[in-house]
Amino acid sequence: METDLAGWTDQEQAIAKQAFDLAYGRAIAQLTESLRERVGALQGAEDLWQLHDFLSIQRHSIEGHFDFRLDGILFVFASLVKDKLLGLDELSGLEVEKIEKITAMSKF
């Protein structure tokens, strides 16, 4: 197996990308559901502007949260596990040490 400079094998990179994409899909699904509820409750212009603000905040949050760079991906995964967007079992195949770090960081 080839390992890059950050200590990730090709297989681990594929597992990480798959887990990342899965969690991103869940986050977008949650946002979409929340948006449906909010749109259903729209009653006037003020609600529209609040919806705009909500979407802007969510976009900023998601874009900041979902950063797929291997040098910081353990922190991202820990946050996703803590937020219940990803299960530790979905990281199966990563080095035990990486999973232990994610587990420990997800508790804070």
C-alpha atoms as a PDB file:
ATOM      1  CA  MET A   1       0.000   0.000   0.000  1.00  0.00           C
ATOM      2  CA  GLU A   2       1.219   3.455  -0.829  1.00  0.00           C
ATOM      3  CA  THR A   3       1.276   6.039   1.940  1.00  0.00           C
ATOM      4  CA  ASP A   4       1.383   9.779   1.307  1.00  0.00           C
ATOM      5  CA  LEU A   5       3.345  12.307   3.349  1.00  0.00           C
ATOM      6  CA  ALA A   6       0.508  12.785   5.830  1.00  0.00           C
ATOM      7  CA  GLY A   7       0.489   9.060   6.701  1.00  0.00           C
ATOM      8  CA  TRP A   8      -2.653   8.088   4.812  1.00  0.00           C
ATOM      9  CA  THR A   9      -2.733   5.031   2.592  1.00  0.00           C
ATOM     10  CA  ASP A  10      -4.667   5.146  -0.659  1.00  0.00           C
ATOM     11  CA  GLN A  11      -7.260   2.859   0.919  1.00  0.00           C
ATOM     12  CA  GLU A  12      -7.600   5.110   3.982  1.00  0.00           C
ATOM     13  CA  GLN A  13      -7.986   8.144   1.755  1.00  0.00           C
ATOM     14  CA  ALA A  14     -10.820   6.411  -0.104  1.00  0.00           C
ATOM     15  CA  ILE A  15     -12.501   5.441   3.197  1.00  0.00           C
ATOM     16  CA  ALA A  16     -12.101   8.988   4.517  1.00  0.00           C
ATOM     17  CA  LYS A  17     -13.560  10.529   1.358  1.00  0.00           C
ATOM     18  CA  GLN A  18     -16.509   8.145   1.411  1.00  0.00           C
ATOM     19  CA  ALA A  19     -17.224   8.891   5.088  1.00  0.00           C
ATOM     20  CA  PHE A  20     -16.832  12.620   4.496  1.00  0.00           C
ATOM     21  CA  ASP A  21     -19.264  12.548   1.568  1.00  0.00           C
ATOM     22  CA  LEU A  22     -21.750  10.493   3.588  1.00  0.00           C
ATOM     23  CA  ALA A  23     -21.704  12.985   6.468  1.00  0.00           C
ATOM     24  CA  TYR A  24     -21.988  15.919   4.056  1.00  0.00           C
ATOM     25  CA  GLY A  25     -25.027  14.308   2.474  1.00  0.00           C
ATOM     26  CA  ARG A  26     -26.604  13.897   5.903  1.00  0.00           C
ATOM     27  CA  ALA A  27     -25.934  17.523   6.792  1.00  0.00           C
ATOM     28  CA  ILE A  28     -27.513  18.694   3.544  1.00  0.00           C
ATOM     29  CA  ALA A  29     -30.505  16.390   4.093  1.00  0.00           C
ATOM     30  CA  GLN A  30     -31.009  17.864   7.578  1.00  0.00           C
ATOM     31  CA  LEU A  31     -30.760  21.374   6.191  1.00  0.00           C
ATOM     32  CA  THR A  32     -33.210  20.556   3.414  1.00  0.00           C
ATOM     33  CA  GLU A  33     -35.728  19.185   5.901  1.00  0.00           C
ATOM     34  CA  SER A  34     -35.354  22.246   8.106  1.00  0.00           C
ATOM     35  CA  LEU A  35     -35.768  24.467   5.065  1.00  0.00           C
ATOM     36  CA  ARG A  36     -38.985  22.683   4.044  1.00  0.00           C
ATOM     37  CA  GLU A  37     -40.422  23.348   7.491  1.00  0.00           C
ATOM     38  CA  ARG A  38     -39.409  26.995   7.403  1.00  0.00           C
ATOM     39  CA  VAL A  39     -40.762  27.546   3.903  1.00  0.00           C
ATOM     40  CA  GLY A  40     -44.051  26.014   4.964  1.00  0.00           C
ATOM     41  CA  ALA A  41     -44.297  28.564   7.762  1.00  0.00           C
ATOM     42  CA  LEU A  42     -43.590  31.640   5.596  1.00  0.00           C
ATOM     43  CA  GLN A  43     -46.160  34.362   6.121  1.00  0.00           C
ATOM     44  CA  GLY A  44     -44.587  37.574   4.945  1.00  0.00           C
ATOM     45  CA  ALA A  45     -41.570  39.545   3.869  1.00  0.00           C
ATOM     46  CA  GLU A  46     -39.920  39.439   7.289  1.00  0.00           C
ATOM     47  CA  ASP A  47     -40.047  35.642   7.206  1.00  0.00           C
ATOM     48  CA  LEU A  48     -38.348  35.704   3.797  1.00  0.00           C
ATOM     49  CA  TRP A  49     -35.486  37.817   5.090  1.00  0.00           C
ATOM     50  CA  GLN A  50     -35.122  35.583   8.125  1.00  0.00           C
ATOM     51  CA  LEU A  51     -35.008  32.584   5.785  1.00  0.00           C
ATOM     52  CA  HIS A  52     -32.280  34.300   3.786  1.00  0.00           C
ATOM     53  CA  ASP A  53     -30.296  34.945   6.960  1.00  0.00           C
ATOM     54  CA  PHE A  54     -30.795  31.347   8.082  1.00  0.00           C
ATOM     55  CA  LEU A  55     -29.504  30.011   4.776  1.00  0.00           C
ATOM     56  CA  SER A  56     -26.508  32.341   4.830  1.00  0.00           C
ATOM     57  CA  ILE A  57     -25.562  31.191   8.310  1.00  0.00           C
ATOM     58  CA  GLN A  58     -26.041  27.529   7.397  1.00  0.00           C
ATOM     59  CA  ARG A  59     -23.944  27.885   4.254  1.00  0.00           C
ATOM     60  CA  HIS A  60     -21.132  29.509   6.213  1.00  0.00           C
ATOM     61  CA  SER A  61     -21.347  26.826   8.889  1.00  0.00           C
ATOM     62  CA  ILE A  62     -21.378  23.909   6.449  1.00  0.00           C
ATOM     63  CA  GLU A  63     -18.581  25.302   4.308  1.00  0.00           C
ATOM     64  CA  GLY A  64     -16.477  25.871   7.423  1.00  0.00           C
ATOM     65  CA  HIS A  65     -17.297  22.495   8.889  1.00  0.00           C
ATOM     66  CA  PHE A  66     -16.729  20.359   5.806  1.00  0.00           C
ATOM     67  CA  ASP A  67     -13.091  20.769   4.855  1.00  0.00           C
ATOM     68  CA  PHE A  68     -11.528  17.701   3.305  1.00  0.00           C
ATOM     69  CA  ARG A  69      -7.827  18.184   3.878  1.00  0.00           C
ATOM     70  CA  LEU A  70      -6.008  15.206   5.292  1.00  0.00           C
ATOM     71  CA  ASP A  71      -3.898  17.321   7.634  1.00  0.00           C
ATOM     72  CA  GLY A  72      -7.040  18.284   9.584  1.00  0.00           C
ATOM     73  CA  ILE A  73      -9.517  15.567   8.713  1.00  0.00           C
ATOM     74  CA  LEU A  74      -9.300  13.854  12.110  1.00  0.00           C
ATOM     75  CA  PHE A  75     -10.668  17.035  13.714  1.00  0.00           C
ATOM     76  CA  VAL A  76     -13.408  17.206  11.092  1.00  0.00           C
ATOM     77  CA  PHE A  77     -14.352  13.581  11.696  1.00  0.00           C
ATOM     78  CA  ALA A  78     -14.383  14.104  15.466  1.00  0.00           C
ATOM     79  CA  SER A  79     -16.759  17.012  15.030  1.00  0.00           C
ATOM     80  CA  LEU A  80     -18.976  15.017  12.669  1.00  0.00           C
ATOM     81  CA  VAL A  81     -19.099  12.107  15.126  1.00  0.00           C
ATOM     82  CA  LYS A  82     -19.950  14.491  17.956  1.00  0.00           C
ATOM     83  CA  ASP A  83     -22.719  16.036  15.835  1.00  0.00           C
ATOM     84  CA  LYS A  84     -24.033  12.543  14.994  1.00  0.00           C
ATOM     85  CA  LEU A  85     -23.491  13.061  11.278  1.00  0.00           C
ATOM     86  CA  LEU A  86     -21.022  10.180  11.190  1.00  0.00           C
ATOM     87  CA  GLY A  87     -20.629   6.965  13.131  1.00  0.00           C
ATOM     88  CA  LEU A  88     -17.259   5.600  14.178  1.00  0.00           C
ATOM     89  CA  ASP A  89     -18.205   2.347  12.462  1.00  0.00           C
ATOM     90  CA  GLU A  90     -18.317   4.273   9.168  1.00  0.00           C
ATOM     91  CA  LEU A  91     -14.593   4.934   9.557  1.00  0.00           C
ATOM     92  CA  SER A  92     -13.791   1.242   9.675  1.00  0.00           C
ATOM     93  CA  GLY A  93     -10.607   0.544   7.773  1.00  0.00           C
ATOM     94  CA  LEU A  94      -8.677   3.530   9.102  1.00  0.00           C
ATOM     95  CA  GLU A  95      -5.677   2.872  11.333  1.00  0.00           C
ATOM     96  CA  VAL A  96      -6.675   2.067  14.890  1.00  0.00           C
ATOM     97  CA  GLU A  97      -4.629   5.053  16.102  1.00  0.00           C
ATOM     98  CA  LYS A  98      -6.608   7.431  13.880  1.00  0.00           C
ATOM     99  CA  ILE A  99      -9.929   6.061  15.109  1.00  0.00           C
ATOM    100  CA  GLU A 100      -8.748   6.346  18.715  1.00  0.00           C
ATOM    101  CA  LYS A 101      -7.827   9.995  18.147  1.00  0.00           C
ATOM    102  CA  ILE A 102     -11.193  10.718  16.523  1.00  0.00           C
ATOM    103  CA  THR A 103     -12.971   8.976  19.392  1.00  0.00           C
ATOM    104  CA  ALA A 104     -11.074  10.952  22.027  1.00  0.00           C
ATOM    105  CA  MET A 105     -11.547  14.303  20.266  1.00  0.00           C
ATOM    106  CA  SER A 106     -15.267  13.684  19.698  1.00  0.00           C
ATOM    107  CA  LYS A 107     -15.825  13.662  23.452  1.00  0.00           C
ATOM    108  CA  PHE A 108     -14.930  17.356  23.835  1.00  0.00           C
END
